[in-house]
Amino acid sequence: MMSSKALRYTIKTTLRPSPQIYENLFVLDFEATCDYPEQISPQEIIEFPCLKVSGKTFEVLSQFHHYIRPICNPLLSDFCVARTGIIQEIIDNSETFESIFQQFRIWLHNNDFNNRCVFVTYGNQDFERLLPTQCQISNIAVPSCMRKWLDLKKCIARATGHYPSSLKSAVERFGIKFSGRQHSGIDDCYNMVSIMKLLAEKGYVFN
């Protein structure tokens, strides 16, 4: 299911990516409720973006993107709004996680997610902490396909010898201009794809 934000491609080059193990890579980056200096507990997912990326060309083939209405802490903090750019009105008019997750499962099925596909995140917190917490809140089992993933930070470290910090700094280290807004989940996903394509063109195999 497409959002109002159209598919876009951040890297265009004549170089051919090296052959990959995975047929498709599903790039995901949650945004969640948050506050500062004291963190909200529990944190709930409020933006759910995922891009299906070809393991041959590293072009984006399909996009899933929805905002989610939290139930434990329904009012966003000023810090969260400033950080993510997600305003209260968007959240108030969104569906809960249970509904969006069901739509996501259908999207995965329609996009042929199989054992030759893998999820890619930037760091481990999306699948190690945020998703299990959210599924516990929503009384949903974490699907087996979402219990393993590739951490793009570690991929970058293996390929370059440098372990990155923020996604923005990682993008700029590769000589790419960061596209969109930092901590917008969908923008972060597209910037991750830009890095992945460059790594593949330099011979890196995602595994």
Protein backbone atom coordinates (compact mmCIF):
# COMPACT_ATOMS: atom_id res chain seq x y z
CA MET A 1 0.00 0.00 0.00
CA MET A 2 1.46 3.32 -1.06
CA SER A 3 1.49 6.48 1.00
CA SER A 4 1.05 9.96 -0.42
CA LYS A 5 4.82 10.25 -0.61
CA ALA A 6 5.86 8.77 -3.95
CA LEU A 7 8.68 6.31 -4.46
CA ARG A 8 11.97 8.06 -5.02
CA TYR A 9 15.47 6.96 -5.84
CA THR A 10 18.37 8.67 -4.16
CA ILE A 11 21.29 7.18 -6.08
CA LYS A 12 21.69 6.82 -9.82
CA THR A 13 24.89 5.39 -11.21
CA THR A 14 26.12 3.27 -14.09
CA LEU A 15 28.02 0.89 -11.77
CA ARG A 16 26.54 -2.57 -11.39
CA PRO A 17 25.97 -3.92 -7.85
CA SER A 18 27.84 -7.11 -7.00
CA PRO A 19 25.82 -10.37 -6.98
CA GLN A 20 23.92 -10.75 -3.72
CA ILE A 21 22.67 -13.63 -1.59
CA TYR A 22 19.25 -12.11 -1.03
CA GLU A 23 16.67 -11.69 -3.77
CA ASN A 24 15.11 -8.69 -2.03
CA LEU A 25 15.98 -6.65 1.05
CA PHE A 26 13.24 -5.02 3.12
CA VAL A 27 14.54 -1.79 4.65
CA LEU A 28 12.73 -0.70 7.80
CA ASP A 29 13.07 2.14 10.30
CA PHE A 30 10.47 2.66 13.04
CA GLU A 31 9.83 5.94 14.83
CA ALA A 32 8.42 5.72 18.34
CA THR A 33 7.00 7.86 21.13
CA CYS A 34 9.81 9.50 23.07
CA ASP A 35 10.68 12.27 25.50
CA TYR A 36 13.72 13.95 27.06
CA PRO A 37 15.41 14.01 29.54
CA GLU A 38 13.26 11.15 30.89
CA GLN A 39 12.20 8.53 28.34
CA ILE A 40 8.55 7.51 27.92
CA SER A 41 7.74 3.96 28.98
CA PRO A 42 6.62 1.98 27.15
CA GLN A 43 7.71 3.39 23.82
CA GLU A 44 5.14 2.75 21.09
CA ILE A 45 5.69 2.69 17.33
CA ILE A 46 4.14 5.74 15.63
CA GLU A 47 5.67 5.49 12.12
CA PHE A 48 5.94 2.22 10.21
CA PRO A 49 7.91 2.53 6.93
CA CYS A 50 9.36 -0.34 4.90
CA LEU A 51 10.90 -0.44 1.42
CA LYS A 52 11.24 -3.52 -0.76
CA VAL A 53 14.64 -3.24 -2.46
CA SER A 54 15.86 -5.40 -5.33
CA GLY A 55 18.94 -7.44 -4.48
CA LYS A 56 20.03 -7.13 -8.12
CA THR A 57 19.67 -3.42 -8.85
CA PHE A 58 19.07 -1.92 -5.37
CA GLU A 59 16.14 -0.01 -6.76
CA VAL A 60 13.07 0.45 -4.58
CA LEU A 61 10.32 -1.84 -5.88
CA SER A 62 7.54 -1.18 -3.38
CA GLN A 63 6.80 0.98 -0.34
CA PHE A 64 4.76 0.51 2.83
CA HIS A 65 4.29 3.61 4.97
CA HIS A 66 1.77 4.37 7.71
CA TYR A 67 1.55 6.40 10.88
CA ILE A 68 0.15 4.75 14.00
CA ARG A 69 -1.95 6.00 16.91
CA PRO A 70 -0.38 5.00 20.26
CA ILE A 71 -2.65 3.82 23.07
CA CYS A 72 -0.51 3.89 26.23
CA ASN A 73 0.70 7.46 25.74
CA PRO A 74 -1.66 8.96 23.12
CA LEU A 75 -0.33 12.54 23.47
CA LEU A 76 3.02 13.16 21.80
CA SER A 77 5.61 15.08 23.77
CA ASP A 78 6.98 18.35 22.38
CA PHE A 79 10.36 16.59 22.13
CA CYS A 80 8.86 13.80 20.01
CA VAL A 81 7.14 16.23 17.65
CA ALA A 82 10.33 18.26 17.20
CA ARG A 83 12.46 15.13 16.69
CA THR A 84 10.26 13.21 14.26
CA GLY A 85 8.19 15.95 12.63
CA ILE A 86 5.09 13.88 13.37
CA ILE A 87 2.33 16.11 14.72
CA GLN A 88 -0.55 15.19 17.01
CA GLU A 89 -3.17 15.60 14.29
CA ILE A 90 -1.50 12.93 12.14
CA ILE A 91 -1.46 10.52 15.07
CA ASP A 92 -5.05 11.24 16.10
CA ASN A 93 -6.26 10.41 12.57
CA SER A 94 -4.23 7.19 12.29
CA GLU A 95 -5.12 3.57 13.02
CA THR A 96 -3.73 1.53 15.90
CA PHE A 97 -0.78 -0.84 15.56
CA GLU A 98 -2.95 -3.96 15.33
CA SER A 99 -4.65 -2.70 12.16
CA ILE A 100 -1.48 -1.39 10.53
CA PHE A 101 0.45 -4.56 11.33
CA GLN A 102 -2.23 -6.67 9.68
CA GLN A 103 -1.95 -4.48 6.58
CA PHE A 104 1.82 -4.90 6.70
CA ARG A 105 1.54 -8.70 6.82
CA ILE A 106 -0.66 -8.58 3.72
CA TRP A 107 1.83 -6.25 1.99
CA LEU A 108 4.68 -8.65 2.80
CA HIS A 109 2.71 -11.55 1.34
CA ASN A 110 1.84 -9.59 -1.80
CA ASN A 111 5.53 -8.67 -2.20
CA ASP A 112 6.70 -12.29 -2.01
CA PHE A 113 8.69 -12.17 1.21
CA ASN A 114 10.40 -15.57 1.46
CA ASN A 115 13.57 -17.23 2.77
CA ARG A 116 15.61 -15.41 0.11
CA CYS A 117 14.58 -12.07 1.61
CA VAL A 118 15.79 -10.26 4.73
CA PHE A 119 14.99 -7.16 6.76
CA VAL A 120 17.57 -4.39 7.11
CA THR A 121 17.58 -1.92 10.01
CA TYR A 122 19.95 0.81 11.16
CA GLY A 123 21.02 -0.57 14.51
CA ASN A 124 19.26 -3.32 16.43
CA GLN A 125 16.68 -1.47 18.50
CA ASP A 126 13.86 -1.70 15.91
CA PHE A 127 13.63 -5.50 16.10
CA GLU A 128 15.43 -6.13 19.37
CA ARG A 129 13.38 -3.73 21.52
CA LEU A 130 10.70 -1.62 19.77
CA LEU A 131 8.87 -4.37 17.88
CA PRO A 132 8.78 -6.91 20.76
CA THR A 133 7.55 -4.20 23.15
CA GLN A 134 4.86 -3.07 20.71
CA CYS A 135 3.73 -6.63 20.00
CA GLN A 136 3.45 -7.28 23.74
CA ILE A 137 1.31 -4.15 24.16
CA SER A 138 -0.88 -5.18 21.22
CA ASN A 139 -1.00 -8.86 22.24
CA ILE A 140 0.52 -9.96 18.92
CA ALA A 141 3.21 -12.59 18.40
CA VAL A 142 6.39 -11.37 16.68
CA PRO A 143 6.46 -13.16 13.30
CA SER A 144 9.38 -15.54 12.82
CA CYS A 145 10.50 -13.61 9.71
CA MET A 146 11.01 -10.52 11.90
CA ARG A 147 13.23 -12.27 14.44
CA LYS A 148 16.31 -11.98 12.25
CA TRP A 149 17.68 -9.00 10.36
CA LEU A 150 20.78 -7.27 9.03
CA ASP A 151 22.16 -4.32 10.99
CA LEU A 152 23.33 -1.77 8.40
CA LYS A 153 25.70 -0.22 10.96
CA LYS A 154 27.59 -3.51 11.21
CA CYS A 155 27.54 -3.92 7.41
CA ILE A 156 29.13 -0.49 7.04
CA ALA A 157 31.74 -1.35 9.68
CA ARG A 158 32.65 -4.61 7.92
CA ALA A 159 32.90 -2.90 4.53
CA THR A 160 34.81 0.23 5.60
CA GLY A 161 36.42 -0.50 8.97
CA HIS A 162 34.49 2.45 10.45
CA TYR A 163 31.51 1.93 12.78
CA PRO A 164 29.06 4.78 12.13
CA SER A 165 27.01 6.72 14.66
CA SER A 166 24.03 8.62 13.28
CA LEU A 167 22.55 7.78 9.89
CA LYS A 168 23.12 11.35 8.73
CA SER A 169 26.84 11.16 9.52
CA ALA A 170 27.06 7.77 7.78
CA VAL A 171 25.40 9.13 4.63
CA GLU A 172 27.67 12.17 4.55
CA ARG A 173 30.76 10.00 5.09
CA PHE A 174 29.89 8.29 1.80
CA GLY A 175 29.79 11.68 0.09
CA ILE A 176 26.00 11.66 -0.28
CA LYS A 177 23.71 14.54 0.63
CA PHE A 178 21.18 13.44 3.25
CA SER A 179 17.74 13.38 1.63
CA GLY A 180 14.71 14.63 3.56
CA ARG A 181 14.35 15.00 7.31
CA GLN A 182 16.48 13.18 9.86
CA HIS A 183 14.33 10.94 12.14
CA SER A 184 11.57 10.76 9.57
CA GLY A 185 11.26 6.99 9.29
CA ILE A 186 10.49 6.96 5.57
CA ASP A 187 13.29 9.43 4.77
CA ASP A 188 15.73 7.41 6.85
CA CYS A 189 14.79 4.28 4.88
CA TYR A 190 15.60 5.94 1.56
CA ASN A 191 18.93 7.19 2.89
CA MET A 192 19.73 3.66 4.05
CA VAL A 193 19.04 2.39 0.52
CA SER A 194 21.49 4.96 -0.85
CA ILE A 195 24.25 3.58 1.37
CA MET A 196 23.36 -0.01 0.59
CA LYS A 197 23.55 0.59 -3.15
CA LEU A 198 26.96 2.21 -2.88
CA LEU A 199 28.26 -0.65 -0.72
CA ALA A 200 26.98 -3.22 -3.24
CA GLU A 201 28.62 -1.31 -6.10
CA LYS A 202 31.91 -1.47 -4.20
CA GLY A 203 31.61 -5.25 -3.98
CA TYR A 204 30.00 -5.72 -0.57
CA VAL A 205 27.68 -8.73 -0.20
CA PHE A 206 24.96 -8.36 2.42
CA ASN A 207 24.96 -11.40 4.68
